[in-house]
C-alpha atoms as a PDB file:
ATOM      1  CA  MET A   1      14.076 -19.078 -23.008  1.00  0.00           C
ATOM      2  CA  ARG A   2      13.514 -15.591 -24.386  1.00  0.00           C
ATOM      3  CA  ILE A   3      13.239 -14.184 -27.878  1.00  0.00           C
ATOM      4  CA  ASP A   4      13.851 -10.574 -28.816  1.00  0.00           C
ATOM      5  CA  ILE A   5      11.652  -9.560 -31.756  1.00  0.00           C
ATOM      6  CA  LYS A   6      12.665  -6.597 -33.892  1.00  0.00           C
ATOM      7  CA  LEU A   7       9.683  -4.949 -35.589  1.00  0.00           C
ATOM      8  CA  SER A   8       9.399  -2.518 -38.494  1.00  0.00           C
ATOM      9  CA  ARG A   9       8.061   0.984 -37.916  1.00  0.00           C
ATOM     10  CA  ASN A  10       4.313   1.457 -37.601  1.00  0.00           C
ATOM     11  CA  THR A  11       2.263   2.925 -40.447  1.00  0.00           C
ATOM     12  CA  GLU A  12      -0.734   3.559 -38.167  1.00  0.00           C
ATOM     13  CA  VAL A  13      -0.824   5.148 -34.728  1.00  0.00           C
ATOM     14  CA  VAL A  14      -0.378   2.515 -32.025  1.00  0.00           C
ATOM     15  CA  PRO A  15      -3.159   3.157 -29.469  1.00  0.00           C
ATOM     16  CA  PHE A  16      -2.360   3.473 -25.772  1.00  0.00           C
ATOM     17  CA  GLU A  17      -4.370   0.330 -25.057  1.00  0.00           C
ATOM     18  CA  TYR A  18      -2.539  -1.963 -27.474  1.00  0.00           C
ATOM     19  CA  GLN A  19      -1.897  -4.914 -25.136  1.00  0.00           C
ATOM     20  CA  ARG A  20      -4.809  -7.000 -26.425  1.00  0.00           C
ATOM     21  CA  ASN A  21      -3.363  -6.666 -29.958  1.00  0.00           C
ATOM     22  CA  LEU A  22      -0.060  -8.132 -28.770  1.00  0.00           C
ATOM     23  CA  VAL A  23      -1.857 -10.961 -26.983  1.00  0.00           C
ATOM     24  CA  GLY A  24      -3.901 -11.718 -30.103  1.00  0.00           C
ATOM     25  CA  THR A  25      -0.768 -11.826 -32.245  1.00  0.00           C
ATOM     26  CA  PHE A  26       0.993 -14.058 -29.704  1.00  0.00           C
ATOM     27  CA  HIS A  27      -1.816 -16.623 -29.878  1.00  0.00           C
ATOM     28  CA  LYS A  28      -2.015 -16.324 -33.666  1.00  0.00           C
ATOM     29  CA  TRP A  29       1.655 -17.248 -33.896  1.00  0.00           C
ATOM     30  CA  LEU A  30       1.274 -20.019 -31.342  1.00  0.00           C
ATOM     31  CA  GLY A  31      -1.702 -21.542 -33.154  1.00  0.00           C
ATOM     32  CA  GLU A  32      -4.176 -23.880 -31.497  1.00  0.00           C
ATOM     33  CA  ASN A  33      -2.933 -24.294 -27.941  1.00  0.00           C
ATOM     34  CA  HIS A  34      -3.875 -25.063 -24.345  1.00  0.00           C
ATOM     35  CA  VAL A  35      -2.035 -22.183 -22.654  1.00  0.00           C
ATOM     36  CA  HIS A  36      -4.668 -19.473 -23.122  1.00  0.00           C
ATOM     37  CA  ASP A  37      -6.652 -20.205 -19.955  1.00  0.00           C
ATOM     38  CA  ASP A  38      -3.941 -21.978 -17.976  1.00  0.00           C
ATOM     39  CA  ILE A  39      -1.513 -20.494 -15.436  1.00  0.00           C
ATOM     40  CA  SER A  40       1.017 -18.606 -17.550  1.00  0.00           C
ATOM     41  CA  LEU A  41       4.512 -20.063 -17.592  1.00  0.00           C
ATOM     42  CA  TYR A  42       5.428 -17.318 -20.047  1.00  0.00           C
ATOM     43  CA  SER A  43       5.557 -13.528 -20.108  1.00  0.00           C
ATOM     44  CA  LEU A  44       5.086 -10.819 -22.724  1.00  0.00           C
ATOM     45  CA  SER A  45       6.809  -7.458 -22.527  1.00  0.00           C
ATOM     46  CA  TRP A  46       5.367  -4.207 -23.783  1.00  0.00           C
ATOM     47  CA  LEU A  47       6.636  -2.683 -27.019  1.00  0.00           C
ATOM     48  CA  MET A  48       9.908  -0.806 -26.567  1.00  0.00           C
ATOM     49  CA  GLY A  49      11.593   1.939 -28.542  1.00  0.00           C
ATOM     50  CA  GLY A  50       8.754   4.361 -29.264  1.00  0.00           C
ATOM     51  CA  ARG A  51       7.601   7.798 -28.231  1.00  0.00           C
ATOM     52  CA  ILE A  52       4.247   9.040 -27.006  1.00  0.00           C
ATOM     53  CA  ASP A  53       2.093  10.937 -29.488  1.00  0.00           C
ATOM     54  CA  LYS A  54      -1.210  12.710 -28.826  1.00  0.00           C
ATOM     55  CA  LYS A  55      -3.251   9.699 -29.921  1.00  0.00           C
ATOM     56  CA  GLY A  56      -0.909   6.870 -28.969  1.00  0.00           C
ATOM     57  CA  PHE A  57       2.624   5.668 -29.670  1.00  0.00           C
ATOM     58  CA  ASP A  58       4.906   6.151 -32.655  1.00  0.00           C
ATOM     59  CA  PHE A  59       7.761   3.736 -33.404  1.00  0.00           C
ATOM     60  CA  LYS A  60       9.431   5.603 -36.247  1.00  0.00           C
ATOM     61  CA  ASN A  61      12.628   3.563 -35.840  1.00  0.00           C
ATOM     62  CA  GLY A  62      10.809   0.290 -35.283  1.00  0.00           C
ATOM     63  CA  ALA A  63      10.127  -1.485 -32.013  1.00  0.00           C
ATOM     64  CA  TYR A  64      11.338  -4.368 -29.883  1.00  0.00           C
ATOM     65  CA  TRP A  65       9.115  -6.939 -28.215  1.00  0.00           C
ATOM     66  CA  GLN A  66      10.325  -9.705 -25.898  1.00  0.00           C
ATOM     67  CA  ILE A  67       8.543 -12.987 -25.201  1.00  0.00           C
ATOM     68  CA  SER A  68       9.822 -15.482 -22.633  1.00  0.00           C
ATOM     69  CA  SER A  69       8.794 -18.933 -21.494  1.00  0.00           C
ATOM     70  CA  TYR A  70      10.005 -21.716 -19.268  1.00  0.00           C
ATOM     71  CA  ASP A  71       8.761 -24.089 -21.980  1.00  0.00           C
ATOM     72  CA  THR A  72      11.312 -24.051 -24.805  1.00  0.00           C
ATOM     73  CA  ALA A  73       8.897 -25.997 -27.040  1.00  0.00           C
ATOM     74  CA  LEU A  74       6.444 -23.079 -26.815  1.00  0.00           C
ATOM     75  CA  ILE A  75       9.131 -20.655 -27.985  1.00  0.00           C
ATOM     76  CA  LYS A  76      10.111 -22.922 -30.880  1.00  0.00           C
ATOM     77  CA  THR A  77       6.458 -23.170 -31.958  1.00  0.00           C
ATOM     78  CA  LEU A  78       6.194 -19.396 -31.683  1.00  0.00           C
ATOM     79  CA  ILE A  79       9.213 -18.884 -33.953  1.00  0.00           C
ATOM     80  CA  LYS A  80       7.661 -21.126 -36.605  1.00  0.00           C
ATOM     81  CA  GLY A  81       4.459 -19.116 -36.381  1.00  0.00           C
ATOM     82  CA  ILE A  82       6.386 -15.886 -36.873  1.00  0.00           C
ATOM     83  CA  GLN A  83       8.154 -17.300 -39.910  1.00  0.00           C
ATOM     84  CA  ASN A  84       4.807 -18.300 -41.446  1.00  0.00           C
ATOM     85  CA  ASP A  85       3.090 -14.982 -40.736  1.00  0.00           C
ATOM     86  CA  PRO A  86       5.347 -12.104 -39.627  1.00  0.00           C
ATOM     87  CA  GLU A  87       2.576  -9.491 -39.535  1.00  0.00           C
ATOM     88  CA  LEU A  88       1.796  -7.834 -36.187  1.00  0.00           C
ATOM     89  CA  ASN A  89      -0.638  -4.874 -36.127  1.00  0.00           C
ATOM     90  CA  PHE A  90      -0.601  -1.188 -37.047  1.00  0.00           C
ATOM     91  CA  GLY A  91       1.438  -1.876 -40.202  1.00  0.00           C
ATOM     92  CA  MET A  92       4.271  -3.455 -38.180  1.00  0.00           C
ATOM     93  CA  ARG A  93       5.905  -6.740 -39.112  1.00  0.00           C
ATOM     94  CA  VAL A  94       8.735  -8.835 -37.756  1.00  0.00           C
ATOM     95  CA  LYS A  95      12.126  -8.029 -39.236  1.00  0.00           C
ATOM     96  CA  GLU A  96      14.336 -10.183 -37.036  1.00  0.00           C
ATOM     97  CA  VAL A  97      14.111 -12.702 -34.175  1.00  0.00           C
ATOM     98  CA  SER A  98      17.027 -13.455 -31.875  1.00  0.00           C
ATOM     99  CA  ILE A  99      17.300 -15.795 -28.891  1.00  0.00           C
ATOM    100  CA  MET A 100      18.527 -14.267 -25.630  1.00  0.00           C
ATOM    101  CA  GLU A 101      20.594 -16.135 -23.077  1.00  0.00           C
ATOM    102  CA  ASP A 102      19.297 -16.444 -19.523  1.00  0.00           C
ATOM    103  CA  PRO A 103      20.976 -13.795 -17.336  1.00  0.00           C
ATOM    104  CA  ARG A 104      23.622 -14.408 -14.743  1.00  0.00           C
ATOM    105  CA  VAL A 105      22.038 -14.153 -11.331  1.00  0.00           C
ATOM    106  CA  GLU A 106      23.034 -13.850  -7.685  1.00  0.00           C
ATOM    107  CA  PRO A 107      21.189 -15.476  -4.750  1.00  0.00           C
ATOM    108  CA  ILE A 108      19.647 -12.039  -4.096  1.00  0.00           C
ATOM    109  CA  GLN A 109      18.964 -10.412  -7.464  1.00  0.00           C
ATOM    110  CA  ARG A 110      17.400  -7.081  -8.416  1.00  0.00           C
ATOM    111  CA  PHE A 111      15.359  -7.019 -11.623  1.00  0.00           C
ATOM    112  CA  PHE A 112      14.046  -4.023 -13.548  1.00  0.00           C
ATOM    113  CA  LEU A 113      10.812  -4.318 -15.525  1.00  0.00           C
ATOM    114  CA  ASN A 114       9.789  -4.547 -19.175  1.00  0.00           C
ATOM    115  CA  SER A 115       6.139  -4.102 -18.146  1.00  0.00           C
ATOM    116  CA  PRO A 116       4.393  -3.137 -14.881  1.00  0.00           C
ATOM    117  CA  ILE A 117       3.585  -5.729 -12.237  1.00  0.00           C
ATOM    118  CA  PHE A 118      -0.085  -6.495 -11.612  1.00  0.00           C
ATOM    119  CA  ILE A 119      -1.129  -8.127  -8.335  1.00  0.00           C
ATOM    120  CA  LYS A 120      -4.707  -9.136  -7.594  1.00  0.00           C
ATOM    121  CA  ARG A 121      -6.539 -11.209  -5.010  1.00  0.00           C
ATOM    122  CA  LYS A 122     -10.231 -11.955  -4.510  1.00  0.00           C
ATOM    123  CA  LEU A 123     -11.264 -11.145  -0.971  1.00  0.00           C
ATOM    124  CA  GLU A 124     -14.836 -11.261   0.297  1.00  0.00           C
ATOM    125  CA  GLU A 125     -16.282 -11.474  -3.234  1.00  0.00           C
ATOM    126  CA  ARG A 126     -14.295  -8.447  -4.396  1.00  0.00           C
ATOM    127  CA  VAL A 127     -11.114  -8.344  -6.459  1.00  0.00           C
ATOM    128  CA  HIS A 128      -8.434  -6.159  -4.889  1.00  0.00           C
ATOM    129  CA  HIS A 129      -5.409  -4.786  -6.737  1.00  0.00           C
ATOM    130  CA  TYR A 130      -2.142  -4.372  -4.823  1.00  0.00           C
ATOM    131  CA  THR A 131       0.795  -2.090  -5.597  1.00  0.00           C
ATOM    132  CA  PHE A 132       4.303  -1.432  -4.295  1.00  0.00           C
ATOM    133  CA  SER A 133       2.819   0.593  -1.405  1.00  0.00           C
ATOM    134  CA  ASP A 134       0.861  -2.362   0.028  1.00  0.00           C
ATOM    135  CA  ALA A 135       2.470  -4.405   2.787  1.00  0.00           C
ATOM    136  CA  ASP A 136       1.151  -7.716   1.414  1.00  0.00           C
ATOM    137  CA  SER A 137       2.391  -7.213  -2.165  1.00  0.00           C
ATOM    138  CA  GLY A 138       5.601  -9.194  -1.588  1.00  0.00           C
ATOM    139  CA  LEU A 139       3.688 -12.096  -0.050  1.00  0.00           C
ATOM    140  CA  TYR A 140       1.306 -12.288  -3.016  1.00  0.00           C
ATOM    141  CA  MET A 141       4.088 -12.035  -5.614  1.00  0.00           C
ATOM    142  CA  THR A 142       5.927 -14.821  -3.802  1.00  0.00           C
ATOM    143  CA  GLN A 143       2.810 -17.002  -3.681  1.00  0.00           C
ATOM    144  CA  THR A 144       2.204 -16.580  -7.414  1.00  0.00           C
ATOM    145  CA  LEU A 145       5.803 -17.444  -8.279  1.00  0.00           C
ATOM    146  CA  GLN A 146       5.663 -20.502  -6.008  1.00  0.00           C
ATOM    147  CA  ALA A 147       2.476 -21.668  -7.761  1.00  0.00           C
ATOM    148  CA  LYS A 148       4.215 -21.377 -11.132  1.00  0.00           C
ATOM    149  CA  LEU A 149       7.284 -23.254  -9.887  1.00  0.00           C
ATOM    150  CA  GLU A 150       5.037 -26.048  -8.634  1.00  0.00           C
ATOM    151  CA  LYS A 151       3.156 -26.089 -11.945  1.00  0.00           C
ATOM    152  CA  ALA A 152       6.523 -26.656 -13.636  1.00  0.00           C
ATOM    153  CA  SER A 153       7.403 -29.378 -11.067  1.00  0.00           C
ATOM    154  CA  LEU A 154      10.270 -27.294  -9.672  1.00  0.00           C
ATOM    155  CA  ASP A 155      11.254 -26.629  -6.062  1.00  0.00           C
ATOM    156  CA  SER A 156       9.317 -23.663  -4.668  1.00  0.00           C
ATOM    157  CA  ASN A 157      10.915 -23.648  -1.209  1.00  0.00           C
ATOM    158  CA  GLY A 158      12.935 -20.650  -0.103  1.00  0.00           C
ATOM    159  CA  VAL A 159      12.016 -18.283  -2.931  1.00  0.00           C
ATOM    160  CA  LYS A 160      10.994 -14.752  -1.996  1.00  0.00           C
ATOM    161  CA  VAL A 161       9.863 -11.746  -4.050  1.00  0.00           C
ATOM    162  CA  TYR A 162       9.441  -8.135  -2.934  1.00  0.00           C
ATOM    163  CA  PHE A 163       9.595  -4.629  -4.355  1.00  0.00           C
ATOM    164  CA  ASP A 164      12.863  -2.698  -4.095  1.00  0.00           C
ATOM    165  CA  TYR A 165      11.902  -0.037  -1.571  1.00  0.00           C
ATOM    166  CA  THR A 166      15.183   1.831  -2.109  1.00  0.00           C
ATOM    167  CA  TYR A 167      14.026   2.737  -5.640  1.00  0.00           C
ATOM    168  CA  GLN A 168      13.578   6.507  -5.804  1.00  0.00           C
ATOM    169  CA  LYS A 169      10.725   6.832  -8.305  1.00  0.00           C
ATOM    170  CA  PRO A 170       8.175   4.007  -7.991  1.00  0.00           C
ATOM    171  CA  SER A 171       4.881   4.667  -9.730  1.00  0.00           C
ATOM    172  CA  THR A 172       1.620   3.027 -10.668  1.00  0.00           C
ATOM    173  CA  LYS A 173      -0.219   2.823 -13.966  1.00  0.00           C
ATOM    174  CA  MET A 174      -3.916   2.274 -14.573  1.00  0.00           C
ATOM    175  CA  ILE A 175      -4.163  -0.094 -17.531  1.00  0.00           C
ATOM    176  CA  ASN A 176      -7.444  -0.755 -19.297  1.00  0.00           C
ATOM    177  CA  TYR A 177      -7.462  -4.299 -20.639  1.00  0.00           C
ATOM    178  CA  ASN A 178     -10.666  -5.328 -22.427  1.00  0.00           C
ATOM    179  CA  GLY A 179     -12.676  -2.925 -20.290  1.00  0.00           C
ATOM    180  CA  ILE A 180     -11.088  -4.008 -17.002  1.00  0.00           C
ATOM    181  CA  LYS A 181      -9.035  -1.365 -15.212  1.00  0.00           C
ATOM    182  CA  CYS A 182      -5.865  -2.809 -13.700  1.00  0.00           C
ATOM    183  CA  ARG A 183      -3.700  -0.829 -11.259  1.00  0.00           C
ATOM    184  CA  ALA A 184      -0.101  -2.016 -11.749  1.00  0.00           C
ATOM    185  CA  SER A 185       3.304  -1.020 -10.352  1.00  0.00           C
ATOM    186  CA  MET A 186       6.452   0.261 -12.032  1.00  0.00           C
ATOM    187  CA  CYS A 187       9.112  -0.562  -9.466  1.00  0.00           C
ATOM    188  CA  PRO A 188      12.064  -2.984  -9.582  1.00  0.00           C
ATOM    189  CA  VAL A 189      11.743  -6.231  -7.647  1.00  0.00           C
ATOM    190  CA  ILE A 190      14.226  -8.229  -5.621  1.00  0.00           C
ATOM    191  CA  ILE A 191      14.051 -12.005  -5.796  1.00  0.00           C
ATOM    192  CA  GLU A 192      15.815 -14.334  -3.387  1.00  0.00           C
ATOM    193  CA  GLY A 193      16.290 -17.981  -4.257  1.00  0.00           C
ATOM    194  CA  SER A 194      18.297 -20.530  -6.179  1.00  0.00           C
ATOM    195  CA  GLU A 195      19.758 -19.930  -9.623  1.00  0.00           C
ATOM    196  CA  GLU A 196      17.066 -22.160 -11.109  1.00  0.00           C
ATOM    197  CA  GLN A 197      14.283 -20.233  -9.364  1.00  0.00           C
ATOM    198  CA  LEU A 198      15.609 -16.814 -10.401  1.00  0.00           C
ATOM    199  CA  LYS A 199      16.082 -17.770 -14.044  1.00  0.00           C
ATOM    200  CA  PHE A 200      12.617 -19.319 -14.013  1.00  0.00           C
ATOM    201  CA  ALA A 201      11.191 -16.026 -12.700  1.00  0.00           C
ATOM    202  CA  TRP A 202      12.995 -14.095 -15.450  1.00  0.00           C
ATOM    203  CA  ASN A 203      11.263 -16.256 -18.033  1.00  0.00           C
ATOM    204  CA  VAL A 204       7.743 -16.497 -16.587  1.00  0.00           C
ATOM    205  CA  GLY A 205       7.418 -13.016 -15.095  1.00  0.00           C
ATOM    206  CA  ILE A 206       6.219 -11.768 -11.728  1.00  0.00           C
ATOM    207  CA  GLY A 207       2.704 -11.188 -10.431  1.00  0.00           C
ATOM    208  CA  ASN A 208      -0.600 -11.935 -12.119  1.00  0.00           C
ATOM    209  CA  SER A 209      -1.534 -11.838 -15.814  1.00  0.00           C
ATOM    210  CA  THR A 210       1.980 -12.190 -17.230  1.00  0.00           C
ATOM    211  CA  GLY A 211       0.351 -13.817 -20.270  1.00  0.00           C
ATOM    212  CA  ILE A 212      -1.328 -10.533 -21.214  1.00  0.00           C
ATOM    213  CA  GLY A 213       1.677  -8.273 -20.805  1.00  0.00           C
ATOM    214  CA  PHE A 214       2.221  -7.689 -17.096  1.00  0.00           C
ATOM    215  CA  GLY A 215       5.260  -8.435 -14.928  1.00  0.00           C
ATOM    216  CA  SER A 216       7.898  -9.029 -17.611  1.00  0.00           C
ATOM    217  CA  LEU A 217      11.402  -8.763 -16.127  1.00  0.00           C
ATOM    218  CA  LYS A 218      14.329  -7.032 -17.819  1.00  0.00           C
END
């Protein structure tokens, strides 16, 4: 289940590193909850509809923010939280919330991104970040999606995730989140699996740290 949140224009410059503000607002709206430190069966997009300024972003016509979750109860709780306190940050507030239908999918489906995909693994006491150029990136994205499917008590067999290597302009972004630098990929992904698995992926996101704004699918 996904909600599309329409926000008013900002009255303060939105800094480049605004993700933690979105995460804080998400948990404010959700209230006391158990999902903060658990595997994320939800995903947060980045803000959409703005332009880059010298000091950050400007959303002079307002912004859009999408939040998705496999757990419909979480989304319903979130909507109540928004109704009680529609303030975001930077002078922005919620103007409208609409529910989006799950997309139609094919057994082999290409997805564009609403936020870059972050892939990490701890190897030999060091955390490694993987991007579209790494051979193992598809394996790790698949493993993470399988773990989320199993967490939701869904079938994880047969699902496969990999970057679309026919995409002409893949890129990476270095994102600083709470002092931690995260190298993430901007490149469409292809997911193979059942209709249930693909719609699940659309709601929970791909890769690591979807709960703090990575790996949201369009």
